[in-house]
Amino acid sequence: MTSRAQSKSKKSQSTRPIAAPAELLAAAETAPSIFNIAAYFTSIYLMREKGYSWRQLEAWLEKFGIEISAVHLRRLYVSEDARLTELSTAELSALGCPQHMIDHYLSKQDPAQRLTAADPEGGKTI
């Protein structure tokens, strides 16, 4: 038997009780986030716009006490980028996005998606 198989066998013989699903869910809900990219997204977006690589961003963020791998940073960024594409101008403004960033995300949207609220008199976007 290999050491990996022995290790797995020992783990499966553990006397520790298995957590109930509700207990595990409660623990997951109260666990702190490892990194809230939404709070730093505008800064990261601007640095990417300036040509910083993911590795350079990793080192730059570390100077500010934020330790995150370049790979993890990119994955979170892509996820947040997709989420922001779905937001309206007002929602992007409320997040503190500069106008050129708002324009960028609006340009990625389908024209029908941009019409979040219509003006009853002229059918203009509010």
C-alpha atoms as a PDB file:
ATOM      1  CA  MET A   1       0.000   0.000   0.000  1.00  0.00           C
ATOM      2  CA  THR A   2       1.382   3.423  -0.947  1.00  0.00           C
ATOM      3  CA  SER A   3       1.845   6.144   1.642  1.00  0.00           C
ATOM      4  CA  ARG A   4      -0.939   8.151  -0.020  1.00  0.00           C
ATOM      5  CA  ALA A   5      -3.336   5.201   0.249  1.00  0.00           C
ATOM      6  CA  GLN A   6      -2.286   4.636   3.878  1.00  0.00           C
ATOM      7  CA  SER A   7      -2.873   8.299   4.655  1.00  0.00           C
ATOM      8  CA  LYS A   8      -6.293   8.207   3.008  1.00  0.00           C
ATOM      9  CA  SER A   9      -7.138   5.014   4.877  1.00  0.00           C
ATOM     10  CA  LYS A  10      -6.185   6.621   8.209  1.00  0.00           C
ATOM     11  CA  LYS A  11      -8.304   9.684   7.438  1.00  0.00           C
ATOM     12  CA  SER A  12     -11.353   7.581   6.646  1.00  0.00           C
ATOM     13  CA  GLN A  13     -10.954   5.763   9.995  1.00  0.00           C
ATOM     14  CA  SER A  14     -11.006   9.060  11.893  1.00  0.00           C
ATOM     15  CA  THR A  15     -13.267   9.186  14.936  1.00  0.00           C
ATOM     16  CA  ARG A  16     -14.196  12.811  14.281  1.00  0.00           C
ATOM     17  CA  PRO A  17     -17.952  13.118  13.646  1.00  0.00           C
ATOM     18  CA  ILE A  18     -19.125  14.413  10.292  1.00  0.00           C
ATOM     19  CA  ALA A  19     -20.732  17.868  10.463  1.00  0.00           C
ATOM     20  CA  ALA A  20     -24.414  18.190   9.715  1.00  0.00           C
ATOM     21  CA  PRO A  21     -25.190  20.049   6.451  1.00  0.00           C
ATOM     22  CA  ALA A  22     -26.861  22.915   8.339  1.00  0.00           C
ATOM     23  CA  GLU A  23     -23.824  23.278  10.613  1.00  0.00           C
ATOM     24  CA  LEU A  24     -21.483  23.387   7.623  1.00  0.00           C
ATOM     25  CA  LEU A  25     -23.700  25.956   5.871  1.00  0.00           C
ATOM     26  CA  ALA A  26     -23.746  28.186   8.966  1.00  0.00           C
ATOM     27  CA  ALA A  27     -19.956  28.003   9.212  1.00  0.00           C
ATOM     28  CA  ALA A  28     -19.575  28.883   5.516  1.00  0.00           C
ATOM     29  CA  GLU A  29     -21.914  31.868   5.851  1.00  0.00           C
ATOM     30  CA  THR A  30     -19.987  33.298   8.801  1.00  0.00           C
ATOM     31  CA  ALA A  31     -16.496  32.594   7.420  1.00  0.00           C
ATOM     32  CA  PRO A  32     -14.673  35.786   6.416  1.00  0.00           C
ATOM     33  CA  SER A  33     -13.951  36.437   2.749  1.00  0.00           C
ATOM     34  CA  ILE A  34     -10.356  35.792   1.793  1.00  0.00           C
ATOM     35  CA  PHE A  35     -10.263  38.767  -0.552  1.00  0.00           C
ATOM     36  CA  ASN A  36     -13.039  41.181  -1.446  1.00  0.00           C
ATOM     37  CA  ILE A  37     -12.002  42.247  -4.934  1.00  0.00           C
ATOM     38  CA  ALA A  38     -15.016  44.531  -5.309  1.00  0.00           C
ATOM     39  CA  ALA A  39     -13.478  46.920  -2.783  1.00  0.00           C
ATOM     40  CA  TYR A  40     -10.263  47.179  -4.816  1.00  0.00           C
ATOM     41  CA  PHE A  41     -11.553  46.567  -8.323  1.00  0.00           C
ATOM     42  CA  THR A  42     -11.296  50.142  -9.607  1.00  0.00           C
ATOM     43  CA  SER A  43      -7.653  50.387  -8.513  1.00  0.00           C
ATOM     44  CA  ILE A  44      -6.833  47.022 -10.079  1.00  0.00           C
ATOM     45  CA  TYR A  45      -8.703  47.979 -13.261  1.00  0.00           C
ATOM     46  CA  LEU A  46      -6.694  51.205 -13.542  1.00  0.00           C
ATOM     47  CA  MET A  47      -3.394  49.379 -13.008  1.00  0.00           C
ATOM     48  CA  ARG A  48      -4.319  46.805 -15.670  1.00  0.00           C
ATOM     49  CA  GLU A  49      -5.219  49.687 -17.973  1.00  0.00           C
ATOM     50  CA  LYS A  50      -1.692  51.052 -17.402  1.00  0.00           C
ATOM     51  CA  GLY A  51      -0.245  47.752 -18.592  1.00  0.00           C
ATOM     52  CA  TYR A  52       0.631  46.057 -15.296  1.00  0.00           C
ATOM     53  CA  SER A  53       0.818  42.268 -15.537  1.00  0.00           C
ATOM     54  CA  TRP A  54      -0.895  40.051 -12.975  1.00  0.00           C
ATOM     55  CA  ARG A  55       2.489  39.299 -11.351  1.00  0.00           C
ATOM     56  CA  GLN A  56       3.332  43.001 -11.187  1.00  0.00           C
ATOM     57  CA  LEU A  57      -0.067  43.663  -9.623  1.00  0.00           C
ATOM     58  CA  GLU A  58       0.561  40.902  -7.098  1.00  0.00           C
ATOM     59  CA  ALA A  59       3.791  42.644  -6.031  1.00  0.00           C
ATOM     60  CA  TRP A  60       2.147  46.087  -6.072  1.00  0.00           C
ATOM     61  CA  LEU A  61      -0.757  44.957  -3.864  1.00  0.00           C
ATOM     62  CA  GLU A  62       1.684  43.308  -1.464  1.00  0.00           C
ATOM     63  CA  LYS A  63       3.181  46.769  -0.775  1.00  0.00           C
ATOM     64  CA  PHE A  64      -0.229  47.700   0.636  1.00  0.00           C
ATOM     65  CA  GLY A  65      -0.544  44.586   2.785  1.00  0.00           C
ATOM     66  CA  ILE A  66      -2.758  42.662   0.356  1.00  0.00           C
ATOM     67  CA  GLU A  67      -1.327  39.196  -0.213  1.00  0.00           C
ATOM     68  CA  ILE A  68      -2.901  37.381  -3.130  1.00  0.00           C
ATOM     69  CA  SER A  69      -1.395  35.244  -5.874  1.00  0.00           C
ATOM     70  CA  ALA A  70      -1.452  36.516  -9.436  1.00  0.00           C
ATOM     71  CA  VAL A  71      -3.513  33.489 -10.497  1.00  0.00           C
ATOM     72  CA  HIS A  72      -6.119  34.023  -7.772  1.00  0.00           C
ATOM     73  CA  LEU A  73      -6.202  37.761  -8.483  1.00  0.00           C
ATOM     74  CA  ARG A  74      -6.883  37.141 -12.171  1.00  0.00           C
ATOM     75  CA  ARG A  75      -9.665  34.647 -11.445  1.00  0.00           C
ATOM     76  CA  LEU A  76     -11.387  37.051  -9.062  1.00  0.00           C
ATOM     77  CA  TYR A  77     -10.914  39.913 -11.514  1.00  0.00           C
ATOM     78  CA  VAL A  78     -12.506  37.997 -14.388  1.00  0.00           C
ATOM     79  CA  SER A  79     -15.462  37.074 -12.170  1.00  0.00           C
ATOM     80  CA  GLU A  80     -15.952  40.666 -10.968  1.00  0.00           C
ATOM     81  CA  ASP A  81     -15.478  41.974 -14.520  1.00  0.00           C
ATOM     82  CA  ALA A  82     -18.347  39.763 -15.711  1.00  0.00           C
ATOM     83  CA  ARG A  83     -20.544  40.953 -12.825  1.00  0.00           C
ATOM     84  CA  LEU A  84     -19.879  44.623 -13.588  1.00  0.00           C
ATOM     85  CA  THR A  85     -20.846  44.133 -17.227  1.00  0.00           C
ATOM     86  CA  GLU A  86     -24.382  43.469 -16.023  1.00  0.00           C
ATOM     87  CA  LEU A  87     -24.706  46.698 -14.011  1.00  0.00           C
ATOM     88  CA  SER A  88     -26.375  49.951 -15.024  1.00  0.00           C
ATOM     89  CA  THR A  89     -24.693  53.350 -15.226  1.00  0.00           C
ATOM     90  CA  ALA A  90     -26.146  54.339 -11.843  1.00  0.00           C
ATOM     91  CA  GLU A  91     -24.928  51.138 -10.201  1.00  0.00           C
ATOM     92  CA  LEU A  92     -21.427  51.558 -11.651  1.00  0.00           C
ATOM     93  CA  SER A  93     -21.362  55.203 -10.508  1.00  0.00           C
ATOM     94  CA  ALA A  94     -22.432  54.170  -7.013  1.00  0.00           C
ATOM     95  CA  LEU A  95     -19.408  51.848  -6.884  1.00  0.00           C
ATOM     96  CA  GLY A  96     -17.147  54.828  -7.551  1.00  0.00           C
ATOM     97  CA  CYS A  97     -16.171  53.809 -11.086  1.00  0.00           C
ATOM     98  CA  PRO A  98     -14.639  56.642 -13.147  1.00  0.00           C
ATOM     99  CA  GLN A  99     -16.556  57.637 -16.290  1.00  0.00           C
ATOM    100  CA  HIS A 100     -14.174  55.934 -18.743  1.00  0.00           C
ATOM    101  CA  MET A 101     -14.617  52.686 -16.789  1.00  0.00           C
ATOM    102  CA  ILE A 102     -18.413  53.072 -16.903  1.00  0.00           C
ATOM    103  CA  ASP A 103     -18.197  53.677 -20.663  1.00  0.00           C
ATOM    104  CA  HIS A 104     -16.085  50.538 -21.015  1.00  0.00           C
ATOM    105  CA  TYR A 105     -18.662  48.354 -19.264  1.00  0.00           C
ATOM    106  CA  LEU A 106     -21.615  49.904 -21.052  1.00  0.00           C
ATOM    107  CA  SER A 107     -19.911  49.263 -24.411  1.00  0.00           C
ATOM    108  CA  LYS A 108     -19.730  45.544 -23.510  1.00  0.00           C
ATOM    109  CA  GLN A 109     -23.486  45.375 -22.920  1.00  0.00           C
ATOM    110  CA  ASP A 110     -26.143  44.460 -25.421  1.00  0.00           C
ATOM    111  CA  PRO A 111     -28.010  47.659 -26.443  1.00  0.00           C
ATOM    112  CA  ALA A 112     -31.291  46.243 -25.106  1.00  0.00           C
ATOM    113  CA  GLN A 113     -29.618  45.615 -21.743  1.00  0.00           C
ATOM    114  CA  ARG A 114     -28.635  49.302 -21.476  1.00  0.00           C
ATOM    115  CA  LEU A 115     -32.266  50.355 -21.410  1.00  0.00           C
ATOM    116  CA  THR A 116     -32.733  49.853 -17.697  1.00  0.00           C
ATOM    117  CA  ALA A 117     -35.425  52.493 -17.329  1.00  0.00           C
ATOM    118  CA  ALA A 118     -37.352  54.174 -20.101  1.00  0.00           C
ATOM    119  CA  ASP A 119     -38.628  57.736 -20.127  1.00  0.00           C
ATOM    120  CA  PRO A 120     -42.404  57.489 -20.750  1.00  0.00           C
ATOM    121  CA  GLU A 121     -42.381  60.649 -22.897  1.00  0.00           C
ATOM    122  CA  GLY A 122     -39.490  59.951 -25.223  1.00  0.00           C
ATOM    123  CA  GLY A 123     -38.329  56.404 -24.569  1.00  0.00           C
ATOM    124  CA  LYS A 124     -34.912  57.708 -23.520  1.00  0.00           C
ATOM    125  CA  THR A 125     -32.624  55.922 -21.102  1.00  0.00           C
ATOM    126  CA  ILE A 126     -32.558  57.537 -17.682  1.00  0.00           C
END
